[in-house]
């Protein structure tokens, strides 16, 4: 996790912090998943289009390939700092979680607001599971406002 007010620097710092917890040898030098949470406070000061390329480049610089990057902006970001859990709200913050999942098949996708089925906003967990299968969903804090 990084509290750096500069988004590019915060992304680098958060990646390095997460990477420090990885095993010394990864299968095929590959991470199957990076989950990135970025404080929406950065919206006014930085382009969110730099998030994925910055994380992928930070990994590549260490000889690691990331297969899937998912994430979102949020008003509150969860992570850990110096080994302690932390929630940051209303302040610049980036959290990166890295996962080596060599026997897991992942398919990252995006569902735009207009792609949600009729009455989808009222679906129960079970109805979403029938519609999409097993998923990890990350919502956009601005949808529905």
N, C-alpha and C. Protein backbone atom coordinates (compact mmCIF):
# COMPACT_ATOMS: atom_id res chain seq x y z
N UNK A 1 0.85 -1.17 0.00
CA UNK A 1 0.00 0.00 0.00
C UNK A 1 0.90 1.23 0.00
N UNK A 2 0.45 2.27 -0.67
CA UNK A 2 1.19 3.53 -0.68
C UNK A 2 0.24 4.69 -0.44
N UNK A 3 0.71 5.66 0.31
CA UNK A 3 -0.05 6.88 0.58
C UNK A 3 0.54 8.06 -0.17
N UNK A 4 1.39 7.80 -1.14
CA UNK A 4 2.07 8.85 -1.89
C UNK A 4 1.04 9.67 -2.68
N UNK A 5 1.09 11.00 -2.62
CA UNK A 5 0.13 11.82 -3.36
C UNK A 5 0.34 11.82 -4.88
N UNK A 6 1.49 11.32 -5.35
CA UNK A 6 1.75 11.19 -6.78
C UNK A 6 1.31 9.80 -7.23
N UNK A 7 0.31 9.72 -8.12
CA UNK A 7 -0.21 8.42 -8.54
C UNK A 7 0.86 7.53 -9.15
N UNK A 8 1.69 8.00 -10.09
CA UNK A 8 2.72 7.11 -10.65
C UNK A 8 3.66 6.55 -9.57
N UNK A 9 4.06 7.40 -8.64
CA UNK A 9 4.95 6.94 -7.57
C UNK A 9 4.22 5.99 -6.61
N UNK A 10 2.96 6.28 -6.32
CA UNK A 10 2.18 5.41 -5.44
C UNK A 10 2.00 4.03 -6.05
N UNK A 11 1.76 3.96 -7.35
CA UNK A 11 1.62 2.67 -8.03
C UNK A 11 2.91 1.86 -7.92
N UNK A 12 4.04 2.50 -8.17
CA UNK A 12 5.34 1.82 -8.06
C UNK A 12 5.55 1.31 -6.63
N UNK A 13 5.33 2.19 -5.66
CA UNK A 13 5.55 1.83 -4.25
C UNK A 13 4.63 0.69 -3.81
N UNK A 14 3.36 0.76 -4.19
CA UNK A 14 2.41 -0.28 -3.80
C UNK A 14 2.77 -1.61 -4.45
N UNK A 15 3.20 -1.57 -5.72
CA UNK A 15 3.63 -2.81 -6.38
C UNK A 15 4.83 -3.42 -5.64
N UNK A 16 5.83 -2.60 -5.37
CA UNK A 16 7.04 -3.11 -4.70
C UNK A 16 6.72 -3.66 -3.31
N UNK A 17 5.82 -3.02 -2.61
CA UNK A 17 5.41 -3.50 -1.29
C UNK A 17 4.73 -4.87 -1.40
N UNK A 18 3.83 -5.02 -2.37
CA UNK A 18 3.15 -6.31 -2.57
C UNK A 18 4.14 -7.37 -3.04
N UNK A 19 5.04 -7.01 -3.94
CA UNK A 19 6.01 -7.97 -4.49
C UNK A 19 6.96 -8.48 -3.41
N UNK A 20 7.21 -7.67 -2.39
CA UNK A 20 8.11 -8.09 -1.31
C UNK A 20 7.57 -9.32 -0.58
N UNK A 21 6.28 -9.55 -0.64
CA UNK A 21 5.68 -10.70 0.02
C UNK A 21 5.58 -11.95 -0.84
N UNK A 22 6.07 -11.87 -2.07
CA UNK A 22 5.99 -13.02 -2.98
C UNK A 22 7.09 -14.04 -2.68
N UNK A 23 6.85 -15.31 -3.05
CA UNK A 23 7.93 -16.30 -2.94
C UNK A 23 9.10 -15.90 -3.83
N UNK A 24 10.28 -16.35 -3.49
CA UNK A 24 11.47 -15.96 -4.26
C UNK A 24 11.44 -16.51 -5.68
N UNK A 25 10.76 -17.63 -5.91
CA UNK A 25 10.67 -18.21 -7.25
C UNK A 25 9.21 -18.45 -7.60
N UNK A 26 8.76 -17.84 -8.68
CA UNK A 26 7.39 -18.03 -9.17
C UNK A 26 7.40 -19.01 -10.32
N UNK A 27 6.37 -19.86 -10.44
CA UNK A 27 6.29 -20.74 -11.61
C UNK A 27 6.29 -19.91 -12.89
N UNK A 28 7.23 -20.17 -13.77
CA UNK A 28 7.35 -19.47 -15.06
C UNK A 28 7.47 -17.96 -14.90
N UNK A 29 7.90 -17.49 -13.73
CA UNK A 29 8.02 -16.05 -13.47
C UNK A 29 6.72 -15.31 -13.80
N UNK A 30 5.59 -15.95 -13.49
CA UNK A 30 4.29 -15.39 -13.84
C UNK A 30 3.41 -15.23 -12.60
N UNK A 31 2.74 -14.11 -12.55
CA UNK A 31 1.67 -13.88 -11.57
C UNK A 31 0.36 -13.92 -12.35
N UNK A 32 -0.56 -14.70 -11.89
CA UNK A 32 -1.83 -14.81 -12.60
C UNK A 32 -2.76 -13.64 -12.32
N UNK A 33 -2.55 -12.93 -11.21
CA UNK A 33 -3.51 -11.89 -10.86
C UNK A 33 -2.87 -10.74 -10.08
N UNK A 34 -3.20 -9.53 -10.48
CA UNK A 34 -2.90 -8.33 -9.70
C UNK A 34 -4.23 -7.61 -9.49
N UNK A 35 -4.52 -7.29 -8.24
CA UNK A 35 -5.73 -6.54 -7.90
C UNK A 35 -5.27 -5.17 -7.42
N UNK A 36 -5.73 -4.12 -8.10
CA UNK A 36 -5.27 -2.76 -7.81
C UNK A 36 -6.47 -1.91 -7.40
N UNK A 37 -6.37 -1.30 -6.23
CA UNK A 37 -7.40 -0.36 -5.76
C UNK A 37 -6.77 1.02 -5.65
N UNK A 38 -7.38 1.98 -6.30
CA UNK A 38 -6.84 3.34 -6.35
C UNK A 38 -7.87 4.31 -5.78
N UNK A 39 -7.43 5.15 -4.88
CA UNK A 39 -8.32 6.16 -4.30
C UNK A 39 -8.85 7.08 -5.39
N UNK A 40 -10.15 7.37 -5.32
CA UNK A 40 -10.75 8.28 -6.30
C UNK A 40 -10.27 9.71 -6.10
N UNK A 41 -9.54 9.97 -5.04
CA UNK A 41 -8.96 11.30 -4.82
C UNK A 41 -8.01 11.65 -5.96
N UNK A 42 -7.38 10.64 -6.57
CA UNK A 42 -6.46 10.88 -7.68
C UNK A 42 -7.17 11.31 -8.96
N UNK A 43 -8.49 11.07 -9.07
CA UNK A 43 -9.23 11.37 -10.30
C UNK A 43 -8.95 12.76 -10.85
N UNK A 44 -8.88 13.74 -10.00
CA UNK A 44 -8.72 15.13 -10.45
C UNK A 44 -7.28 15.48 -10.79
N UNK A 45 -6.33 14.66 -10.34
CA UNK A 45 -4.92 15.03 -10.51
C UNK A 45 -4.15 14.14 -11.47
N UNK A 46 -4.67 12.97 -11.79
CA UNK A 46 -3.92 12.03 -12.64
C UNK A 46 -4.87 11.27 -13.55
N UNK A 47 -4.32 10.77 -14.63
CA UNK A 47 -5.09 9.95 -15.55
C UNK A 47 -5.07 8.50 -15.08
N UNK A 48 -6.24 7.92 -14.90
CA UNK A 48 -6.31 6.52 -14.47
C UNK A 48 -5.79 5.57 -15.55
N UNK A 49 -5.62 6.07 -16.77
CA UNK A 49 -5.12 5.20 -17.85
C UNK A 49 -3.69 4.74 -17.61
N UNK A 50 -2.98 5.32 -16.65
CA UNK A 50 -1.61 4.90 -16.38
C UNK A 50 -1.53 3.71 -15.43
N UNK A 51 -2.64 3.35 -14.79
CA UNK A 51 -2.60 2.34 -13.72
C UNK A 51 -2.09 1.00 -14.23
N UNK A 52 -2.76 0.40 -15.19
CA UNK A 52 -2.37 -0.94 -15.65
C UNK A 52 -0.97 -0.93 -16.26
N UNK A 53 -0.65 -0.02 -17.19
CA UNK A 53 0.72 -0.04 -17.74
C UNK A 53 1.81 0.13 -16.68
N UNK A 54 1.56 0.95 -15.67
CA UNK A 54 2.56 1.16 -14.63
C UNK A 54 2.78 -0.11 -13.82
N UNK A 55 1.72 -0.80 -13.46
CA UNK A 55 1.84 -2.05 -12.69
C UNK A 55 2.53 -3.13 -13.53
N UNK A 56 2.11 -3.27 -14.79
CA UNK A 56 2.71 -4.28 -15.67
C UNK A 56 4.19 -4.00 -15.88
N UNK A 57 4.56 -2.74 -16.09
CA UNK A 57 5.97 -2.37 -16.27
C UNK A 57 6.79 -2.59 -15.01
N UNK A 58 6.22 -2.28 -13.85
CA UNK A 58 6.93 -2.50 -12.59
C UNK A 58 7.26 -3.99 -12.43
N UNK A 59 6.32 -4.85 -12.79
CA UNK A 59 6.56 -6.29 -12.72
C UNK A 59 7.59 -6.72 -13.75
N UNK A 60 7.42 -6.24 -14.97
CA UNK A 60 8.35 -6.60 -16.05
C UNK A 60 9.78 -6.21 -15.68
N UNK A 61 9.94 -5.07 -15.00
CA UNK A 61 11.26 -4.63 -14.56
C UNK A 61 11.92 -5.59 -13.59
N UNK A 62 11.12 -6.44 -12.94
CA UNK A 62 11.63 -7.46 -12.02
C UNK A 62 11.61 -8.85 -12.66
N UNK A 63 11.35 -8.89 -13.98
CA UNK A 63 11.33 -10.17 -14.70
C UNK A 63 10.07 -10.98 -14.49
N UNK A 64 8.98 -10.32 -14.11
CA UNK A 64 7.72 -11.01 -13.83
C UNK A 64 6.65 -10.58 -14.84
N UNK A 65 5.87 -11.56 -15.28
CA UNK A 65 4.75 -11.30 -16.18
C UNK A 65 3.47 -11.40 -15.37
N UNK A 66 2.57 -10.43 -15.53
CA UNK A 66 1.25 -10.48 -14.88
C UNK A 66 0.22 -10.79 -15.95
N UNK A 67 -0.52 -11.89 -15.75
CA UNK A 67 -1.51 -12.33 -16.74
C UNK A 67 -2.80 -11.53 -16.71
N UNK A 68 -3.27 -11.16 -15.53
CA UNK A 68 -4.55 -10.47 -15.38
C UNK A 68 -4.42 -9.35 -14.36
N UNK A 69 -4.88 -8.17 -14.73
CA UNK A 69 -4.91 -7.04 -13.81
C UNK A 69 -6.36 -6.58 -13.71
N UNK A 70 -6.87 -6.55 -12.49
CA UNK A 70 -8.22 -6.04 -12.27
C UNK A 70 -8.16 -4.99 -11.17
N UNK A 71 -9.19 -4.18 -11.08
CA UNK A 71 -9.20 -3.20 -10.01
C UNK A 71 -10.29 -2.17 -10.19
N UNK A 72 -10.22 -1.18 -9.33
CA UNK A 72 -11.22 -0.12 -9.38
C UNK A 72 -10.73 1.09 -8.61
N UNK A 73 -11.43 2.19 -8.81
CA UNK A 73 -11.22 3.34 -7.93
C UNK A 73 -12.21 3.20 -6.78
N UNK A 74 -11.89 3.82 -5.67
CA UNK A 74 -12.76 3.70 -4.51
C UNK A 74 -12.61 4.91 -3.60
N UNK A 75 -13.66 5.23 -2.88
CA UNK A 75 -13.60 6.29 -1.89
C UNK A 75 -12.79 5.86 -0.68
N UNK A 76 -12.79 4.54 -0.41
CA UNK A 76 -12.01 3.96 0.68
C UNK A 76 -11.21 2.79 0.14
N UNK A 77 -9.93 2.73 0.47
CA UNK A 77 -9.05 1.68 -0.02
C UNK A 77 -8.56 0.85 1.17
N UNK A 78 -8.63 -0.49 1.02
CA UNK A 78 -8.15 -1.41 2.05
C UNK A 78 -6.80 -1.97 1.63
N UNK A 79 -5.93 -2.15 2.60
CA UNK A 79 -4.63 -2.75 2.33
C UNK A 79 -3.88 -2.94 3.62
N UNK A 80 -2.56 -3.04 3.51
CA UNK A 80 -1.75 -3.13 4.72
C UNK A 80 -0.54 -2.23 4.55
N UNK A 81 -0.12 -1.67 5.65
CA UNK A 81 1.05 -0.80 5.67
C UNK A 81 1.91 -1.24 6.84
N UNK A 82 3.16 -1.56 6.54
CA UNK A 82 4.09 -2.07 7.56
C UNK A 82 3.51 -3.29 8.28
N UNK A 83 2.81 -4.14 7.52
CA UNK A 83 2.27 -5.38 8.08
C UNK A 83 0.98 -5.24 8.86
N UNK A 84 0.44 -4.05 8.95
CA UNK A 84 -0.81 -3.85 9.69
C UNK A 84 -1.93 -3.46 8.73
N UNK A 85 -3.15 -4.02 8.93
CA UNK A 85 -4.26 -3.66 8.05
C UNK A 85 -4.61 -2.19 8.21
N UNK A 86 -5.04 -1.61 7.09
CA UNK A 86 -5.35 -0.19 7.09
C UNK A 86 -6.46 0.11 6.09
N UNK A 87 -7.38 1.00 6.46
CA UNK A 87 -8.38 1.53 5.54
C UNK A 87 -8.15 3.02 5.43
N UNK A 88 -8.05 3.50 4.19
CA UNK A 88 -7.80 4.92 3.95
C UNK A 88 -9.00 5.48 3.19
N UNK A 89 -9.61 6.53 3.71
CA UNK A 89 -10.75 7.17 3.05
C UNK A 89 -10.45 8.64 2.82
N UNK A 90 -10.80 9.13 1.63
CA UNK A 90 -10.69 10.56 1.34
C UNK A 90 -9.27 11.08 1.24
N UNK A 91 -8.31 10.20 1.02
CA UNK A 91 -6.91 10.60 0.89
C UNK A 91 -6.26 9.77 -0.21
N UNK A 92 -5.18 10.26 -0.81
CA UNK A 92 -4.50 9.48 -1.85
C UNK A 92 -4.00 8.15 -1.29
N UNK A 93 -4.30 7.08 -2.01
CA UNK A 93 -3.89 5.75 -1.56
C UNK A 93 -3.99 4.76 -2.71
N UNK A 94 -3.03 3.85 -2.79
CA UNK A 94 -3.05 2.76 -3.76
C UNK A 94 -2.75 1.47 -3.01
N UNK A 95 -3.52 0.44 -3.28
CA UNK A 95 -3.28 -0.88 -2.71
C UNK A 95 -3.14 -1.87 -3.86
N UNK A 96 -2.12 -2.73 -3.78
CA UNK A 96 -1.90 -3.76 -4.79
C UNK A 96 -1.81 -5.11 -4.09
N UNK A 97 -2.56 -6.08 -4.60
CA UNK A 97 -2.49 -7.46 -4.13
C UNK A 97 -2.05 -8.30 -5.31
N UNK A 98 -1.05 -9.15 -5.11
CA UNK A 98 -0.52 -10.00 -6.17
C UNK A 98 -0.78 -11.46 -5.81
N UNK A 99 -1.12 -12.27 -6.81
CA UNK A 99 -1.42 -13.68 -6.55
C UNK A 99 -0.81 -14.58 -7.60
N UNK A 100 -0.14 -15.62 -7.12
CA UNK A 100 0.34 -16.69 -7.98
C UNK A 100 -0.67 -17.82 -7.86
N UNK A 101 -1.37 -18.11 -8.95
CA UNK A 101 -2.44 -19.11 -8.96
C UNK A 101 -2.23 -20.06 -10.14
N UNK A 102 -1.16 -20.85 -10.13
CA UNK A 102 -0.78 -21.61 -11.32
C UNK A 102 -1.80 -22.64 -11.80
N UNK A 103 -2.67 -23.15 -10.94
CA UNK A 103 -3.62 -24.17 -11.40
C UNK A 103 -5.04 -23.61 -11.54
N UNK A 104 -5.14 -22.29 -11.57
CA UNK A 104 -6.45 -21.64 -11.65
C UNK A 104 -6.62 -20.97 -13.02
N UNK A 105 -7.80 -21.13 -13.60
CA UNK A 105 -8.11 -20.47 -14.87
C UNK A 105 -8.86 -19.17 -14.57
N UNK A 106 -8.31 -18.06 -15.06
CA UNK A 106 -8.93 -16.75 -14.84
C UNK A 106 -9.36 -16.13 -16.16
N UNK A 107 -10.46 -15.41 -16.12
CA UNK A 107 -10.95 -14.70 -17.29
C UNK A 107 -11.42 -13.32 -16.83
N UNK A 108 -10.59 -12.32 -16.99
CA UNK A 108 -10.96 -10.96 -16.59
C UNK A 108 -11.89 -10.37 -17.65
N UNK A 109 -12.94 -9.70 -17.22
CA UNK A 109 -13.86 -9.07 -18.15
C UNK A 109 -14.47 -7.84 -17.52
N UNK A 110 -15.12 -7.04 -18.33
CA UNK A 110 -15.72 -5.79 -17.88
C UNK A 110 -17.19 -5.80 -18.27
N UNK A 111 -18.04 -5.46 -17.34
CA UNK A 111 -19.47 -5.34 -17.62
C UNK A 111 -19.82 -3.86 -17.49
N UNK A 112 -20.17 -3.25 -18.61
CA UNK A 112 -20.56 -1.84 -18.59
C UNK A 112 -21.97 -1.71 -18.03
N UNK A 113 -22.30 -0.54 -17.55
CA UNK A 113 -23.60 -0.31 -16.94
C UNK A 113 -24.74 -0.73 -17.87
N UNK A 114 -24.62 -0.45 -19.16
CA UNK A 114 -25.66 -0.80 -20.11
C UNK A 114 -25.74 -2.28 -20.42
N UNK A 115 -24.74 -3.06 -19.99
CA UNK A 115 -24.72 -4.50 -20.25
C UNK A 115 -25.38 -5.32 -19.15
N UNK A 116 -25.78 -4.67 -18.07
CA UNK A 116 -26.41 -5.39 -16.96
C UNK A 116 -27.80 -5.82 -17.41
N UNK A 117 -28.16 -7.10 -17.19
CA UNK A 117 -29.48 -7.56 -17.63
C UNK A 117 -30.61 -6.80 -16.94
N UNK A 118 -31.79 -6.83 -17.57
CA UNK A 118 -32.96 -6.20 -16.97
C UNK A 118 -33.12 -6.66 -15.53
N UNK A 119 -33.38 -5.76 -14.65
CA UNK A 119 -33.52 -6.01 -13.22
C UNK A 119 -32.24 -6.59 -12.59
N UNK A 120 -31.13 -6.53 -13.31
CA UNK A 120 -29.86 -7.07 -12.79
C UNK A 120 -29.41 -6.42 -11.50
N UNK A 121 -29.77 -5.16 -11.34
CA UNK A 121 -29.37 -4.45 -10.11
C UNK A 121 -30.05 -5.05 -8.88
N UNK A 122 -31.15 -5.77 -9.10
CA UNK A 122 -31.88 -6.38 -7.99
C UNK A 122 -31.57 -7.87 -7.84
N UNK A 123 -30.65 -8.40 -8.64
CA UNK A 123 -30.32 -9.83 -8.57
C UNK A 123 -29.77 -10.19 -7.20
N UNK A 124 -30.11 -11.40 -6.76
CA UNK A 124 -29.49 -11.95 -5.56
C UNK A 124 -28.13 -12.52 -5.95
N UNK A 125 -27.33 -12.88 -4.97
CA UNK A 125 -26.03 -13.51 -5.25
C UNK A 125 -26.20 -14.75 -6.11
N UNK A 126 -27.22 -15.55 -5.79
CA UNK A 126 -27.45 -16.79 -6.54
C UNK A 126 -27.83 -16.50 -8.00
N UNK A 127 -28.63 -15.48 -8.23
CA UNK A 127 -29.01 -15.12 -9.61
C UNK A 127 -27.79 -14.66 -10.39
N UNK A 128 -26.90 -13.87 -9.77
CA UNK A 128 -25.67 -13.44 -10.45
C UNK A 128 -24.79 -14.66 -10.75
N UNK A 129 -24.72 -15.61 -9.82
CA UNK A 129 -23.90 -16.80 -10.02
C UNK A 129 -24.43 -17.61 -11.22
N UNK A 130 -25.75 -17.70 -11.35
CA UNK A 130 -26.33 -18.41 -12.50
C UNK A 130 -26.02 -17.67 -13.79
N UNK A 131 -26.04 -16.35 -13.75
CA UNK A 131 -25.80 -15.52 -14.94
C UNK A 131 -24.34 -15.52 -15.36
N UNK A 132 -23.42 -15.42 -14.39
CA UNK A 132 -22.00 -15.25 -14.71
C UNK A 132 -21.10 -16.41 -14.28
N UNK A 133 -21.57 -17.29 -13.42
CA UNK A 133 -20.69 -18.31 -12.84
C UNK A 133 -20.00 -17.72 -11.62
N UNK A 134 -18.89 -18.33 -11.21
CA UNK A 134 -18.14 -17.83 -10.06
C UNK A 134 -17.34 -16.61 -10.47
N UNK A 135 -17.55 -15.50 -9.79
CA UNK A 135 -16.87 -14.26 -10.16
C UNK A 135 -16.44 -13.49 -8.91
N UNK A 136 -15.49 -12.62 -9.13
CA UNK A 136 -15.13 -11.61 -8.14
C UNK A 136 -15.53 -10.30 -8.77
N UNK A 137 -16.48 -9.61 -8.17
CA UNK A 137 -16.97 -8.37 -8.77
C UNK A 137 -16.38 -7.17 -8.05
N UNK A 138 -16.02 -6.17 -8.82
CA UNK A 138 -15.54 -4.91 -8.27
C UNK A 138 -16.41 -3.82 -8.86
N UNK A 139 -17.12 -3.12 -8.02
CA UNK A 139 -18.04 -2.10 -8.49
C UNK A 139 -17.37 -0.76 -8.70
N UNK A 140 -18.01 0.05 -9.49
CA UNK A 140 -17.56 1.42 -9.72
C UNK A 140 -18.35 2.30 -8.77
N UNK A 141 -17.65 3.03 -7.91
CA UNK A 141 -18.33 3.85 -6.91
C UNK A 141 -19.22 4.93 -7.52
N UNK A 142 -19.02 5.23 -8.80
CA UNK A 142 -19.78 6.31 -9.43
C UNK A 142 -21.06 5.81 -10.10
N UNK A 143 -21.21 4.49 -10.28
CA UNK A 143 -22.40 3.95 -10.92
C UNK A 143 -23.58 4.09 -9.97
N UNK A 144 -24.68 4.53 -10.51
CA UNK A 144 -25.89 4.67 -9.71
C UNK A 144 -26.00 6.00 -8.99
N UNK A 145 -25.05 6.88 -9.18
CA UNK A 145 -25.12 8.20 -8.53
C UNK A 145 -25.80 9.19 -9.43
